[in-house]
Amino acid sequence: YPFLTGEETVWFYGKISGLNKAMLQKRV
């Protein structure tokens, strides 16, 4: 999605892969 930033893109795919907020804050 061109309107998302790089960070938002990885965060988005992490969410649809089932990662929670705490995991994403470290993983991204």
mmCIF file of all heavy atoms, coordinates in Angstrom:
data_MODEL
# 
_entry.id   MODEL 
# 
loop_
_atom_site.group_PDB 
_atom_site.id 
_atom_site.type_symbol 
_atom_site.label_atom_id 
_atom_site.label_alt_id 
_atom_site.label_comp_id 
_atom_site.label_asym_id 
_atom_site.label_entity_id 
_atom_site.label_seq_id 
_atom_site.pdbx_PDB_ins_code 
_atom_site.Cartn_x 
_atom_site.Cartn_y 
_atom_site.Cartn_z 
_atom_site.occupancy 
_atom_site.B_iso_or_equiv 
_atom_site.pdbx_formal_charge 
_atom_site.auth_seq_id 
_atom_site.auth_comp_id 
_atom_site.auth_asym_id 
_atom_site.auth_atom_id 
_atom_site.pdbx_PDB_model_num 
ATOM 1   N N   . TYR A 1 1  ? 0.845  -1.188  0.000  1.00 0.00 ? 1  TYR A N   1 
ATOM 2   C CA  . TYR A 1 1  ? 0.000  0.000   0.000  1.00 0.00 ? 1  TYR A CA  1 
ATOM 3   C C   . TYR A 1 1  ? 0.886  1.245   0.000  1.00 0.00 ? 1  TYR A C   1 
ATOM 4   O O   . TYR A 1 1  ? 1.636  1.468   0.955  1.00 0.00 ? 1  TYR A O   1 
ATOM 5   C CB  . TYR A 1 1  ? -0.921 0.002   1.211  1.00 0.00 ? 1  TYR A CB  1 
ATOM 6   C CG  . TYR A 1 1  ? -1.909 -1.138  1.206  1.00 0.00 ? 1  TYR A CG  1 
ATOM 7   C CD1 . TYR A 1 1  ? -1.850 -2.146  2.160  1.00 0.00 ? 1  TYR A CD1 1 
ATOM 8   C CD2 . TYR A 1 1  ? -2.901 -1.207  0.228  1.00 0.00 ? 1  TYR A CD2 1 
ATOM 9   C CE1 . TYR A 1 1  ? -2.756 -3.203  2.144  1.00 0.00 ? 1  TYR A CE1 1 
ATOM 10  C CE2 . TYR A 1 1  ? -3.817 -2.260  0.212  1.00 0.00 ? 1  TYR A CE2 1 
ATOM 11  C CZ  . TYR A 1 1  ? -3.733 -3.250  1.172  1.00 0.00 ? 1  TYR A CZ  1 
ATOM 12  O OH  . TYR A 1 1  ? -4.628 -4.287  1.145  1.00 0.00 ? 1  TYR A OH  1 
ATOM 13  N N   . PRO A 1 2  ? 0.826  2.057   -1.054 1.00 0.00 ? 2  PRO A N   1 
ATOM 14  C CA  . PRO A 1 2  ? 1.769  3.172   -1.199 1.00 0.00 ? 2  PRO A CA  1 
ATOM 15  C C   . PRO A 1 2  ? 1.614  4.269   -0.146 1.00 0.00 ? 2  PRO A C   1 
ATOM 16  O O   . PRO A 1 2  ? 2.558  5.015   0.107  1.00 0.00 ? 2  PRO A O   1 
ATOM 17  C CB  . PRO A 1 2  ? 1.468  3.710   -2.607 1.00 0.00 ? 2  PRO A CB  1 
ATOM 18  C CG  . PRO A 1 2  ? 0.063  3.285   -2.890 1.00 0.00 ? 2  PRO A CG  1 
ATOM 19  C CD  . PRO A 1 2  ? -0.102 1.971   -2.196 1.00 0.00 ? 2  PRO A CD  1 
ATOM 20  N N   . PHE A 1 3  ? 0.452  4.376   0.479  1.00 0.00 ? 3  PHE A N   1 
ATOM 21  C CA  . PHE A 1 3  ? 0.230  5.459   1.443  1.00 0.00 ? 3  PHE A CA  1 
ATOM 22  C C   . PHE A 1 3  ? 0.745  5.113   2.838  1.00 0.00 ? 3  PHE A C   1 
ATOM 23  O O   . PHE A 1 3  ? 0.804  5.975   3.711  1.00 0.00 ? 3  PHE A O   1 
ATOM 24  C CB  . PHE A 1 3  ? -1.267 5.805   1.515  1.00 0.00 ? 3  PHE A CB  1 
ATOM 25  C CG  . PHE A 1 3  ? -2.153 4.613   1.777  1.00 0.00 ? 3  PHE A CG  1 
ATOM 26  C CD1 . PHE A 1 3  ? -2.387 4.164   3.069  1.00 0.00 ? 3  PHE A CD1 1 
ATOM 27  C CD2 . PHE A 1 3  ? -2.735 3.937   0.726  1.00 0.00 ? 3  PHE A CD2 1 
ATOM 28  C CE1 . PHE A 1 3  ? -3.197 3.076   3.309  1.00 0.00 ? 3  PHE A CE1 1 
ATOM 29  C CE2 . PHE A 1 3  ? -3.556 2.829   0.959  1.00 0.00 ? 3  PHE A CE2 1 
ATOM 30  C CZ  . PHE A 1 3  ? -3.787 2.395   2.249  1.00 0.00 ? 3  PHE A CZ  1 
ATOM 31  N N   . LEU A 1 4  ? 1.118  3.857   3.060  1.00 0.00 ? 4  LEU A N   1 
ATOM 32  C CA  . LEU A 1 4  ? 1.675  3.468   4.351  1.00 0.00 ? 4  LEU A CA  1 
ATOM 33  C C   . LEU A 1 4  ? 3.175  3.750   4.394  1.00 0.00 ? 4  LEU A C   1 
ATOM 34  O O   . LEU A 1 4  ? 3.858  3.702   3.368  1.00 0.00 ? 4  LEU A O   1 
ATOM 35  C CB  . LEU A 1 4  ? 1.447  1.979   4.610  1.00 0.00 ? 4  LEU A CB  1 
ATOM 36  C CG  . LEU A 1 4  ? 0.004  1.499   4.791  1.00 0.00 ? 4  LEU A CG  1 
ATOM 37  C CD1 . LEU A 1 4  ? -0.014 -0.008  5.016  1.00 0.00 ? 4  LEU A CD1 1 
ATOM 38  C CD2 . LEU A 1 4  ? -0.669 2.218   5.949  1.00 0.00 ? 4  LEU A CD2 1 
ATOM 39  N N   . THR A 1 5  ? 3.697  4.031   5.570  1.00 0.00 ? 5  THR A N   1 
ATOM 40  C CA  . THR A 1 5  ? 5.143  4.176   5.736  1.00 0.00 ? 5  THR A CA  1 
ATOM 41  C C   . THR A 1 5  ? 5.773  2.793   5.841  1.00 0.00 ? 5  THR A C   1 
ATOM 42  O O   . THR A 1 5  ? 5.068  1.780   5.972  1.00 0.00 ? 5  THR A O   1 
ATOM 43  C CB  . THR A 1 5  ? 5.475  4.970   7.003  1.00 0.00 ? 5  THR A CB  1 
ATOM 44  O OG1 . THR A 1 5  ? 5.057  4.208   8.161  1.00 0.00 ? 5  THR A OG1 1 
ATOM 45  C CG2 . THR A 1 5  ? 4.781  6.336   7.006  1.00 0.00 ? 5  THR A CG2 1 
ATOM 46  N N   . GLY A 1 6  ? 7.092  2.736   5.821  1.00 0.00 ? 6  GLY A N   1 
ATOM 47  C CA  . GLY A 1 6  ? 7.770  1.462   5.974  1.00 0.00 ? 6  GLY A CA  1 
ATOM 48  C C   . GLY A 1 6  ? 7.432  0.801   7.297  1.00 0.00 ? 6  GLY A C   1 
ATOM 49  O O   . GLY A 1 6  ? 7.171  -0.404  7.354  1.00 0.00 ? 6  GLY A O   1 
ATOM 50  N N   . GLU A 1 7  ? 7.433  1.578   8.349  1.00 0.00 ? 7  GLU A N   1 
ATOM 51  C CA  . GLU A 1 7  ? 7.120  1.046   9.672  1.00 0.00 ? 7  GLU A CA  1 
ATOM 52  C C   . GLU A 1 7  ? 5.677  0.540   9.728  1.00 0.00 ? 7  GLU A C   1 
ATOM 53  O O   . GLU A 1 7  ? 5.412  -0.550  10.254 1.00 0.00 ? 7  GLU A O   1 
ATOM 54  C CB  . GLU A 1 7  ? 7.328  2.126   10.733 1.00 0.00 ? 7  GLU A CB  1 
ATOM 55  C CG  . GLU A 1 7  ? 7.117  1.649   12.162 1.00 0.00 ? 7  GLU A CG  1 
ATOM 56  C CD  . GLU A 1 7  ? 7.407  2.741   13.169 1.00 0.00 ? 7  GLU A CD  1 
ATOM 57  O OE1 . GLU A 1 7  ? 6.918  3.871   12.975 1.00 0.00 ? 7  GLU A OE1 1 
ATOM 58  O OE2 . GLU A 1 7  ? 8.133  2.464   14.141 1.00 0.00 ? 7  GLU A OE2 1 
ATOM 59  N N   . GLU A 1 8  ? 4.756  1.311   9.163  1.00 0.00 ? 8  GLU A N   1 
ATOM 60  C CA  . GLU A 1 8  ? 3.347  0.907   9.166  1.00 0.00 ? 8  GLU A CA  1 
ATOM 61  C C   . GLU A 1 8  ? 3.131  -0.352  8.344  1.00 0.00 ? 8  GLU A C   1 
ATOM 62  O O   . GLU A 1 8  ? 2.287  -1.200  8.681  1.00 0.00 ? 8  GLU A O   1 
ATOM 63  C CB  . GLU A 1 8  ? 2.488  2.049   8.620  1.00 0.00 ? 8  GLU A CB  1 
ATOM 64  C CG  . GLU A 1 8  ? 2.389  3.249   9.559  1.00 0.00 ? 8  GLU A CG  1 
ATOM 65  C CD  . GLU A 1 8  ? 1.755  4.451   8.891  1.00 0.00 ? 8  GLU A CD  1 
ATOM 66  O OE1 . GLU A 1 8  ? 1.715  4.506   7.640  1.00 0.00 ? 8  GLU A OE1 1 
ATOM 67  O OE2 . GLU A 1 8  ? 1.301  5.344   9.624  1.00 0.00 ? 8  GLU A OE2 1 
ATOM 68  N N   . THR A 1 9  ? 3.903  -0.497  7.274  1.00 0.00 ? 9  THR A N   1 
ATOM 69  C CA  . THR A 1 9  ? 3.774  -1.678  6.415  1.00 0.00 ? 9  THR A CA  1 
ATOM 70  C C   . THR A 1 9  ? 4.146  -2.948  7.174  1.00 0.00 ? 9  THR A C   1 
ATOM 71  O O   . THR A 1 9  ? 3.413  -3.939  7.150  1.00 0.00 ? 9  THR A O   1 
ATOM 72  C CB  . THR A 1 9  ? 4.660  -1.531  5.164  1.00 0.00 ? 9  THR A CB  1 
ATOM 73  O OG1 . THR A 1 9  ? 4.208  -0.418  4.398  1.00 0.00 ? 9  THR A OG1 1 
ATOM 74  C CG2 . THR A 1 9  ? 4.609  -2.788  4.307  1.00 0.00 ? 9  THR A CG2 1 
ATOM 75  N N   . VAL A 1 10 ? 5.292  -2.920  7.840  1.00 0.00 ? 10 VAL A N   1 
ATOM 76  C CA  . VAL A 1 10 ? 5.718  -4.101  8.599  1.00 0.00 ? 10 VAL A CA  1 
ATOM 77  C C   . VAL A 1 10 ? 4.743  -4.367  9.741  1.00 0.00 ? 10 VAL A C   1 
ATOM 78  O O   . VAL A 1 10 ? 4.399  -5.525  10.033 1.00 0.00 ? 10 VAL A O   1 
ATOM 79  C CB  . VAL A 1 10 ? 7.154  -3.914  9.135  1.00 0.00 ? 10 VAL A CB  1 
ATOM 80  C CG1 . VAL A 1 10 ? 7.605  -5.167  9.893  1.00 0.00 ? 10 VAL A CG1 1 
ATOM 81  C CG2 . VAL A 1 10 ? 8.129  -3.632  7.994  1.00 0.00 ? 10 VAL A CG2 1 
ATOM 82  N N   . TRP A 1 11 ? 4.277  -3.297  10.395 1.00 0.00 ? 11 TRP A N   1 
ATOM 83  C CA  . TRP A 1 11 ? 3.307  -3.425  11.479 1.00 0.00 ? 11 TRP A CA  1 
ATOM 84  C C   . TRP A 1 11 ? 2.022  -4.091  10.959 1.00 0.00 ? 11 TRP A C   1 
ATOM 85  O O   . TRP A 1 11 ? 1.467  -4.979  11.611 1.00 0.00 ? 11 TRP A O   1 
ATOM 86  C CB  . TRP A 1 11 ? 2.997  -2.044  12.051 1.00 0.00 ? 11 TRP A CB  1 
ATOM 87  C CG  . TRP A 1 11 ? 2.193  -2.064  13.321 1.00 0.00 ? 11 TRP A CG  1 
ATOM 88  C CD1 . TRP A 1 11 ? 0.862  -2.289  13.456 1.00 0.00 ? 11 TRP A CD1 1 
ATOM 89  C CD2 . TRP A 1 11 ? 2.698  -1.864  14.651 1.00 0.00 ? 11 TRP A CD2 1 
ATOM 90  N NE1 . TRP A 1 11 ? 0.486  -2.227  14.768 1.00 0.00 ? 11 TRP A NE1 1 
ATOM 91  C CE2 . TRP A 1 11 ? 1.583  -1.964  15.529 1.00 0.00 ? 11 TRP A CE2 1 
ATOM 92  C CE3 . TRP A 1 11 ? 3.965  -1.586  15.167 1.00 0.00 ? 11 TRP A CE3 1 
ATOM 93  C CZ2 . TRP A 1 11 ? 1.716  -1.801  16.912 1.00 0.00 ? 11 TRP A CZ2 1 
ATOM 94  C CZ3 . TRP A 1 11 ? 4.074  -1.430  16.543 1.00 0.00 ? 11 TRP A CZ3 1 
ATOM 95  C CH2 . TRP A 1 11 ? 2.983  -1.533  17.396 1.00 0.00 ? 11 TRP A CH2 1 
ATOM 96  N N   . PHE A 1 12 ? 1.566  -3.663  9.766  1.00 0.00 ? 12 PHE A N   1 
ATOM 97  C CA  . PHE A 1 12 ? 0.348  -4.211  9.163  1.00 0.00 ? 12 PHE A CA  1 
ATOM 98  C C   . PHE A 1 12 ? 0.472  -5.709  8.931  1.00 0.00 ? 12 PHE A C   1 
ATOM 99  O O   . PHE A 1 12 ? -0.418 -6.500  9.302  1.00 0.00 ? 12 PHE A O   1 
ATOM 100 C CB  . PHE A 1 12 ? 0.057  -3.490  7.844  1.00 0.00 ? 12 PHE A CB  1 
ATOM 101 C CG  . PHE A 1 12 ? -1.003 -4.129  7.004  1.00 0.00 ? 12 PHE A CG  1 
ATOM 102 C CD1 . PHE A 1 12 ? -2.350 -4.019  7.339  1.00 0.00 ? 12 PHE A CD1 1 
ATOM 103 C CD2 . PHE A 1 12 ? -0.658 -4.856  5.869  1.00 0.00 ? 12 PHE A CD2 1 
ATOM 104 C CE1 . PHE A 1 12 ? -3.336 -4.624  6.555  1.00 0.00 ? 12 PHE A CE1 1 
ATOM 105 C CE2 . PHE A 1 12 ? -1.646 -5.451  5.089  1.00 0.00 ? 12 PHE A CE2 1 
ATOM 106 C CZ  . PHE A 1 12 ? -2.986 -5.339  5.434  1.00 0.00 ? 12 PHE A CZ  1 
ATOM 107 N N   . TYR A 1 13 ? 1.591  -6.137  8.333  1.00 0.00 ? 13 TYR A N   1 
ATOM 108 C CA  . TYR A 1 13 ? 1.766  -7.557  8.055  1.00 0.00 ? 13 TYR A CA  1 
ATOM 109 C C   . TYR A 1 13 ? 1.950  -8.362  9.336  1.00 0.00 ? 13 TYR A C   1 
ATOM 110 O O   . TYR A 1 13 ? 1.559  -9.530  9.414  1.00 0.00 ? 13 TYR A O   1 
ATOM 111 C CB  . TYR A 1 13 ? 2.945  -7.774  7.105  1.00 0.00 ? 13 TYR A CB  1 
ATOM 112 C CG  . TYR A 1 13 ? 2.588  -7.463  5.673  1.00 0.00 ? 13 TYR A CG  1 
ATOM 113 C CD1 . TYR A 1 13 ? 2.922  -6.234  5.099  1.00 0.00 ? 13 TYR A CD1 1 
ATOM 114 C CD2 . TYR A 1 13 ? 1.884  -8.378  4.903  1.00 0.00 ? 13 TYR A CD2 1 
ATOM 115 C CE1 . TYR A 1 13 ? 2.576  -5.942  3.786  1.00 0.00 ? 13 TYR A CE1 1 
ATOM 116 C CE2 . TYR A 1 13 ? 1.535  -8.087  3.584  1.00 0.00 ? 13 TYR A CE2 1 
ATOM 117 C CZ  . TYR A 1 13 ? 1.879  -6.865  3.041  1.00 0.00 ? 13 TYR A CZ  1 
ATOM 118 O OH  . TYR A 1 13 ? 1.517  -6.582  1.752  1.00 0.00 ? 13 TYR A OH  1 
ATOM 119 N N   . GLY A 1 14 ? 2.517  -7.730  10.346 1.00 0.00 ? 14 GLY A N   1 
ATOM 120 C CA  . GLY A 1 14 ? 2.629  -8.400  11.636 1.00 0.00 ? 14 GLY A CA  1 
ATOM 121 C C   . GLY A 1 14 ? 1.276  -8.642  12.270 1.00 0.00 ? 14 GLY A C   1 
ATOM 122 O O   . GLY A 1 14 ? 1.012  -9.713  12.839 1.00 0.00 ? 14 GLY A O   1 
ATOM 123 N N   . LYS A 1 15 ? 0.381  -7.657  12.142 1.00 0.00 ? 15 LYS A N   1 
ATOM 124 C CA  . LYS A 1 15 ? -0.958 -7.785  12.709 1.00 0.00 ? 15 LYS A CA  1 
ATOM 125 C C   . LYS A 1 15 ? -1.739 -8.905  12.032 1.00 0.00 ? 15 LYS A C   1 
ATOM 126 O O   . LYS A 1 15 ? -2.387 -9.720  12.706 1.00 0.00 ? 15 LYS A O   1 
ATOM 127 C CB  . LYS A 1 15 ? -1.726 -6.465  12.562 1.00 0.00 ? 15 LYS A CB  1 
ATOM 128 C CG  . LYS A 1 15 ? -1.256 -5.362  13.491 1.00 0.00 ? 15 LYS A CG  1 
ATOM 129 C CD  . LYS A 1 15 ? -1.629 -5.639  14.938 1.00 0.00 ? 15 LYS A CD  1 
ATOM 130 C CE  . LYS A 1 15 ? -3.114 -5.437  15.186 1.00 0.00 ? 15 LYS A CE  1 
ATOM 131 N NZ  . LYS A 1 15 ? -3.454 -5.621  16.623 1.00 0.00 ? 15 LYS A NZ  1 
ATOM 132 N N   . ILE A 1 16 ? -1.675 -8.975  10.692 1.00 0.00 ? 16 ILE A N   1 
ATOM 133 C CA  . ILE A 1 16 ? -2.435 -10.024 10.009 1.00 0.00 ? 16 ILE A CA  1 
ATOM 134 C C   . ILE A 1 16 ? -1.779 -11.398 10.177 1.00 0.00 ? 16 ILE A C   1 
ATOM 135 O O   . ILE A 1 16 ? -2.391 -12.412 9.854  1.00 0.00 ? 16 ILE A O   1 
ATOM 136 C CB  . ILE A 1 16 ? -2.647 -9.709  8.507  1.00 0.00 ? 16 ILE A CB  1 
ATOM 137 C CG1 . ILE A 1 16 ? -1.310 -9.652  7.759  1.00 0.00 ? 16 ILE A CG1 1 
ATOM 138 C CG2 . ILE A 1 16 ? -3.421 -8.422  8.332  1.00 0.00 ? 16 ILE A CG2 1 
ATOM 139 C CD1 . ILE A 1 16 ? -1.484 -9.427  6.256  1.00 0.00 ? 16 ILE A CD1 1 
ATOM 140 N N   . SER A 1 17 ? -0.539 -11.408 10.697 1.00 0.00 ? 17 SER A N   1 
ATOM 141 C CA  . SER A 1 17 ? 0.130  -12.677 11.007 1.00 0.00 ? 17 SER A CA  1 
ATOM 142 C C   . SER A 1 17 ? -0.136 -13.111 12.448 1.00 0.00 ? 17 SER A C   1 
ATOM 143 O O   . SER A 1 17 ? 0.362  -14.155 12.877 1.00 0.00 ? 17 SER A O   1 
ATOM 144 C CB  . SER A 1 17 ? 1.638  -12.565 10.777 1.00 0.00 ? 17 SER A CB  1 
ATOM 145 O OG  . SER A 1 17 ? 1.932  -12.327 9.412  1.00 0.00 ? 17 SER A OG  1 
ATOM 146 N N   . GLY A 1 18 ? -0.885 -12.286 13.181 1.00 0.00 ? 18 GLY A N   1 
ATOM 147 C CA  . GLY A 1 18 ? -1.290 -12.679 14.530 1.00 0.00 ? 18 GLY A CA  1 
ATOM 148 C C   . GLY A 1 18 ? -0.442 -12.148 15.661 1.00 0.00 ? 18 GLY A C   1 
ATOM 149 O O   . GLY A 1 18 ? -0.618 -12.552 16.815 1.00 0.00 ? 18 GLY A O   1 
ATOM 150 N N   . LEU A 1 19 ? 0.485  -11.236 15.381 1.00 0.00 ? 19 LEU A N   1 
ATOM 151 C CA  . LEU A 1 19 ? 1.326  -10.685 16.437 1.00 0.00 ? 19 LEU A CA  1 
ATOM 152 C C   . LEU A 1 19 ? 0.555  -9.603  17.204 1.00 0.00 ? 19 LEU A C   1 
ATOM 153 O O   . LEU A 1 19 ? -0.162 -8.805  16.606 1.00 0.00 ? 19 LEU A O   1 
ATOM 154 C CB  . LEU A 1 19 ? 2.617  -10.088 15.865 1.00 0.00 ? 19 LEU A CB  1 
ATOM 155 C CG  . LEU A 1 19 ? 3.776  -11.067 15.599 1.00 0.00 ? 19 LEU A CG  1 
ATOM 156 C CD1 . LEU A 1 19 ? 3.405  -12.073 14.525 1.00 0.00 ? 19 LEU A CD1 1 
ATOM 157 C CD2 . LEU A 1 19 ? 5.033  -10.307 15.182 1.00 0.00 ? 19 LEU A CD2 1 
ATOM 158 N N   . ASN A 1 20 ? 0.740  -9.558  18.522 1.00 0.00 ? 20 ASN A N   1 
ATOM 159 C CA  . ASN A 1 20 ? 0.068  -8.543  19.324 1.00 0.00 ? 20 ASN A CA  1 
ATOM 160 C C   . ASN A 1 20 ? 0.918  -7.275  19.401 1.00 0.00 ? 20 ASN A C   1 
ATOM 161 O O   . ASN A 1 20 ? 2.054  -7.222  18.903 1.00 0.00 ? 20 ASN A O   1 
ATOM 162 C CB  . ASN A 1 20 ? -0.258 -9.069  20.720 1.00 0.00 ? 20 ASN A CB  1 
ATOM 163 C CG  . ASN A 1 20 ? 0.994  -9.504  21.490 1.00 0.00 ? 20 ASN A CG  1 
ATOM 164 O OD1 . ASN A 1 20 ? 2.045  -8.880  21.389 1.00 0.00 ? 20 ASN A OD1 1 
ATOM 165 N ND2 . ASN A 1 20 ? 0.861  -10.571 22.267 1.00 0.00 ? 20 ASN A ND2 1 
ATOM 166 N N   . LYS A 1 21 ? 0.363  -6.251  20.037 1.00 0.00 ? 21 LYS A N   1 
ATOM 167 C CA  . LYS A 1 21 ? 1.011  -4.945  20.075 1.00 0.00 ? 21 LYS A CA  1 
ATOM 168 C C   . LYS A 1 21 ? 2.382  -4.997  20.746 1.00 0.00 ? 21 LYS A C   1 
ATOM 169 O O   . LYS A 1 21 ? 3.353  -4.419  20.248 1.00 0.00 ? 21 LYS A O   1 
ATOM 170 C CB  . LYS A 1 21 ? 0.111  -3.940  20.801 1.00 0.00 ? 21 LYS A CB  1 
ATOM 171 C CG  . LYS A 1 21 ? 0.664  -2.526  20.835 1.00 0.00 ? 21 LYS A CG  1 
ATOM 172 C CD  . LYS A 1 21 ? -0.306 -1.579  21.506 1.00 0.00 ? 21 LYS A CD  1 
ATOM 173 C CE  . LYS A 1 21 ? 0.257  -0.159  21.553 1.00 0.00 ? 21 LYS A CE  1 
ATOM 174 N NZ  . LYS A 1 21 ? -0.692 0.780   22.226 1.00 0.00 ? 21 LYS A NZ  1 
ATOM 175 N N   . ALA A 1 22 ? 2.462  -5.699  21.865 1.00 0.00 ? 22 ALA A N   1 
ATOM 176 C CA  . ALA A 1 22 ? 3.733  -5.781  22.593 1.00 0.00 ? 22 ALA A CA  1 
ATOM 177 C C   . ALA A 1 22 ? 4.810  -6.443  21.739 1.00 0.00 ? 22 ALA A C   1 
ATOM 178 O O   . ALA A 1 22 ? 5.972  -6.002  21.739 1.00 0.00 ? 22 ALA A O   1 
ATOM 179 C CB  . ALA A 1 22 ? 3.530  -6.556  23.893 1.00 0.00 ? 22 ALA A CB  1 
ATOM 180 N N   . MET A 1 23 ? 4.448  -7.484  21.025 1.00 0.00 ? 23 MET A N   1 
ATOM 181 C CA  . MET A 1 23 ? 5.404  -8.180  20.167 1.00 0.00 ? 23 MET A CA  1 
ATOM 182 C C   . MET A 1 23 ? 5.852  -7.285  19.024 1.00 0.00 ? 23 MET A C   1 
ATOM 183 O O   . MET A 1 23 ? 7.036  -7.259  18.673 1.00 0.00 ? 23 MET A O   1 
ATOM 184 C CB  . MET A 1 23 ? 4.782  -9.471  19.632 1.00 0.00 ? 23 MET A CB  1 
ATOM 185 C CG  . MET A 1 23 ? 4.427  -10.488 20.695 1.00 0.00 ? 23 MET A CG  1 
ATOM 186 S SD  . MET A 1 23 ? 3.405  -11.846 20.071 1.00 0.00 ? 23 MET A SD  1 
ATOM 187 C CE  . MET A 1 23 ? 4.565  -12.679 19.011 1.00 0.00 ? 23 MET A CE  1 
ATOM 188 N N   . LEU A 1 24 ? 4.918  -6.555  18.433 1.00 0.00 ? 24 LEU A N   1 
ATOM 189 C CA  . LEU A 1 24 ? 5.238  -5.696  17.298 1.00 0.00 ? 24 LEU A CA  1 
ATOM 190 C C   . LEU A 1 24 ? 6.106  -4.509  17.695 1.00 0.00 ? 24 LEU A C   1 
ATOM 191 O O   . LEU A 1 24 ? 6.960  -4.068  16.920 1.00 0.00 ? 24 LEU A O   1 
ATOM 192 C CB  . LEU A 1 24 ? 3.954  -5.207  16.631 1.00 0.00 ? 24 LEU A CB  1 
ATOM 193 C CG  . LEU A 1 24 ? 3.194  -6.257  15.823 1.00 0.00 ? 24 LEU A CG  1 
ATOM 194 C CD1 . LEU A 1 24 ? 1.811  -5.765  15.443 1.00 0.00 ? 24 LEU A CD1 1 
ATOM 195 C CD2 . LEU A 1 24 ? 3.978  -6.635  14.574 1.00 0.00 ? 24 LEU A CD2 1 
ATOM 196 N N   . GLN A 1 25 ? 5.901  -3.981  18.883 1.00 0.00 ? 25 GLN A N   1 
ATOM 197 C CA  . GLN A 1 25 ? 6.707  -2.849  19.347 1.00 0.00 ? 25 GLN A CA  1 
ATOM 198 C C   . GLN A 1 25 ? 8.185  -3.224  19.437 1.00 0.00 ? 25 GLN A C   1 
ATOM 199 O O   . GLN A 1 25 ? 9.059  -2.368  19.261 1.00 0.00 ? 25 GLN A O   1 
ATOM 200 C CB  . GLN A 1 25 ? 6.201  -2.363  20.703 1.00 0.00 ? 25 GLN A CB  1 
ATOM 201 C CG  . GLN A 1 25 ? 4.895  -1.581  20.612 1.00 0.00 ? 25 GLN A CG  1 
ATOM 202 C CD  . GLN A 1 25 ? 4.357  -1.186  21.973 1.00 0.00 ? 25 GLN A CD  1 
ATOM 203 O OE1 . GLN A 1 25 ? 4.603  -1.860  22.986 1.00 0.00 ? 25 GLN A OE1 1 
ATOM 204 N NE2 . GLN A 1 25 ? 3.625  -0.088  22.019 1.00 0.00 ? 25 GLN A NE2 1 
ATOM 205 N N   . LYS A 1 26 ? 8.454  -4.488  19.657 1.00 0.00 ? 26 LYS A N   1 
ATOM 206 C CA  . LYS A 1 26 ? 9.836  -4.966  19.702 1.00 0.00 ? 26 LYS A CA  1 
ATOM 207 C C   . LYS A 1 26 ? 10.301 -5.454  18.335 1.00 0.00 ? 26 LYS A C   1 
ATOM 208 O O   . LYS A 1 26 ? 11.428 -5.179  17.910 1.00 0.00 ? 26 LYS A O   1 
ATOM 209 C CB  . LYS A 1 26 ? 9.958  -6.105  20.722 1.00 0.00 ? 26 LYS A CB  1 
ATOM 210 C CG  . LYS A 1 26 ? 11.351 -6.707  20.791 1.00 0.00 ? 26 LYS A CG  1 
ATOM 211 C CD  . LYS A 1 26 ? 11.396 -7.865  21.782 1.00 0.00 ? 26 LYS A CD  1 
ATOM 212 C CE  . LYS A 1 26 ? 12.791 -8.486  21.825 1.00 0.00 ? 26 LYS A CE  1 
ATOM 213 N NZ  . LYS A 1 26 ? 12.854 -9.641  22.764 1.00 0.00 ? 26 LYS A NZ  1 
ATOM 214 N N   . ARG A 1 27 ? 9.422  -6.158  17.644 1.00 0.00 ? 27 ARG A N   1 
ATOM 215 C CA  . ARG A 1 27 ? 9.794  -6.828  16.416 1.00 0.00 ? 27 ARG A CA  1 
ATOM 216 C C   . ARG A 1 27 ? 10.004 -5.875  15.244 1.00 0.00 ? 27 ARG A C   1 
ATOM 217 O O   . ARG A 1 27 ? 10.953 -6.039  14.456 1.00 0.00 ? 27 ARG A O   1 
ATOM 218 C CB  . ARG A 1 27 ? 8.692  -7.847  16.052 1.00 0.00 ? 27 ARG A CB  1 
ATOM 219 C CG  . ARG A 1 27 ? 8.997  -8.724  14.857 1.00 0.00 ? 27 ARG A CG  1 
ATOM 220 C CD  . ARG A 1 27 ? 10.060 -9.728  15.162 1.00 0.00 ? 27 ARG A CD  1 
ATOM 221 N NE  . ARG A 1 27 ? 10.254 -10.648 14.045 1.00 0.00 ? 27 ARG A NE  1 
ATOM 222 C CZ  . ARG A 1 27 ? 11.408 -11.231 13.756 1.00 0.00 ? 27 ARG A CZ  1 
ATOM 223 N NH1 . ARG A 1 27 ? 12.473 -10.985 14.505 1.00 0.00 ? 27 ARG A NH1 1 
ATOM 224 N NH2 . ARG A 1 27 ? 11.502 -12.060 12.751 1.00 0.00 ? 27 ARG A NH2 1 
ATOM 225 N N   . VAL A 1 28 ? 9.136  -4.870  15.079 1.00 0.00 ? 28 VAL A N   1 
ATOM 226 C CA  . VAL A 1 28 ? 9.206  -3.987  13.916 1.00 0.00 ? 28 VAL A CA  1 
ATOM 227 C C   . VAL A 1 28 ? 10.518 -3.200  13.863 1.00 0.00 ? 28 VAL A C   1 
ATOM 228 O O   . VAL A 1 28 ? 11.199 -3.203  12.821 1.00 0.00 ? 28 VAL A O   1 
ATOM 229 C CB  . VAL A 1 28 ? 7.977  -3.058  13.864 1.00 0.00 ? 28 VAL A CB  1 
ATOM 230 C CG1 . VAL A 1 28 ? 8.138  -2.025  12.751 1.00 0.00 ? 28 VAL A CG1 1 
ATOM 231 C CG2 . VAL A 1 28 ? 6.705  -3.873  13.634 1.00 0.00 ? 28 VAL A CG2 1 
# 
